[in-house]
Protein backbone atom coordinates (compact mmCIF):
# COMPACT_ATOMS: atom_id res chain seq x y z
CA MET A 1 71.18 6.23 29.47
CA SER A 2 72.94 3.42 27.21
CA ASP A 3 76.22 5.71 25.33
CA ILE A 4 74.03 4.82 22.32
CA ASN A 5 71.09 7.14 23.58
CA LYS A 6 73.81 9.77 24.23
CA GLU A 7 75.69 9.72 20.94
CA GLN A 8 72.15 10.15 19.45
CA MET A 9 70.80 12.83 21.81
CA ALA A 10 74.40 14.58 21.11
CA GLN A 11 73.83 14.55 17.86
CA SER A 12 70.53 15.34 17.95
CA LEU A 13 71.41 18.56 19.89
CA VAL A 14 74.43 19.36 17.33
CA THR A 15 71.77 19.88 14.51
CA GLN A 16 69.39 21.46 16.28
CA ALA A 17 72.10 24.25 17.04
CA ASN A 18 73.86 24.49 13.50
CA THR A 19 70.22 25.11 12.35
CA ILE A 20 69.49 27.66 14.82
CA ARG A 21 72.80 29.16 14.28
CA ARG A 22 72.49 29.68 10.45
CA GLU A 23 68.74 30.63 11.29
CA MET A 24 70.41 33.40 13.14
CA ILE A 25 73.04 34.66 10.73
CA GLU A 26 70.14 34.58 8.39
CA LEU A 27 68.16 37.40 10.45
CA GLU A 28 71.04 39.19 11.30
CA ARG A 29 71.84 39.77 7.76
CA LYS A 30 68.23 40.56 7.44
CA PHE A 31 68.21 43.17 10.23
CA ASN A 32 71.28 44.61 8.85
CA GLU A 33 69.61 45.59 5.54
CA LYS A 34 66.36 46.59 7.13
CA LYS A 35 68.57 48.86 9.51
CA GLU A 36 70.24 50.24 6.07
CA ILE A 37 67.13 50.90 4.59
CA PHE A 38 65.22 52.29 7.77
CA LEU A 39 68.56 54.99 8.36
CA LYS A 40 68.39 56.25 4.83
CA ILE A 41 64.79 56.81 5.44
CA GLN A 42 65.48 58.60 8.64
CA GLY A 43 67.75 60.81 6.20
CA SER A 44 65.71 61.79 3.92
CA LEU A 45 62.44 62.45 6.63
CA GLU A 46 65.41 65.10 7.93
CA THR A 47 66.40 66.37 5.10
CA LEU A 48 62.26 67.02 4.17
CA SER A 49 62.02 68.47 7.78
CA LEU A 50 64.71 70.53 7.10
CA LEU A 51 63.23 71.84 4.04
CA GLY A 52 60.39 72.94 5.53
CA THR A 53 57.80 70.21 5.09
CA GLU A 54 55.67 68.94 7.68
CA ILE A 55 56.55 64.98 8.73
CA PRO A 56 53.64 63.43 10.31
CA PRO A 57 54.58 61.54 13.42
CA MET A 58 56.15 58.25 13.43
CA ALA A 59 54.46 55.20 15.43
CA ASP A 60 55.03 54.69 18.64
CA LEU A 61 56.43 50.97 18.90
CA SER A 62 57.20 50.94 22.41
CA GLU A 63 54.98 47.98 23.47
CA GLU A 64 55.83 45.98 20.69
CA ALA A 65 59.16 46.38 21.31
CA ALA A 66 58.91 45.74 24.75
CA GLU A 67 57.05 42.49 24.08
CA ALA A 68 59.78 41.79 21.27
CA ALA A 69 62.90 41.99 23.91
CA ALA A 70 60.95 40.09 26.86
CA PRO A 71 61.90 36.53 27.65
CA ALA A 72 60.02 33.62 25.45
CA LYS A 73 57.26 31.98 27.87
CA GLY A 74 58.43 28.69 29.12
CA PHE A 75 62.02 29.18 29.97
CA ALA A 76 63.05 30.54 32.89
CA ASN A 77 65.78 33.30 33.22
């Protein structure tokens, strides 16, 4: 492989890494916002429960969580 191709490849990889890093930072920010809202809702539900309000059960999302945590297909671990 010529030096020019190596340099182009290196630049392309750096660009991709920077883009993905920015996307991950934005996803983390959104995740933290949603987590904060979720915790507030849980606190409100607990308060209502203590006041005698019947709280409907929350959906069981364990299968969805397991799928989300599974490694991406096509990538070896």
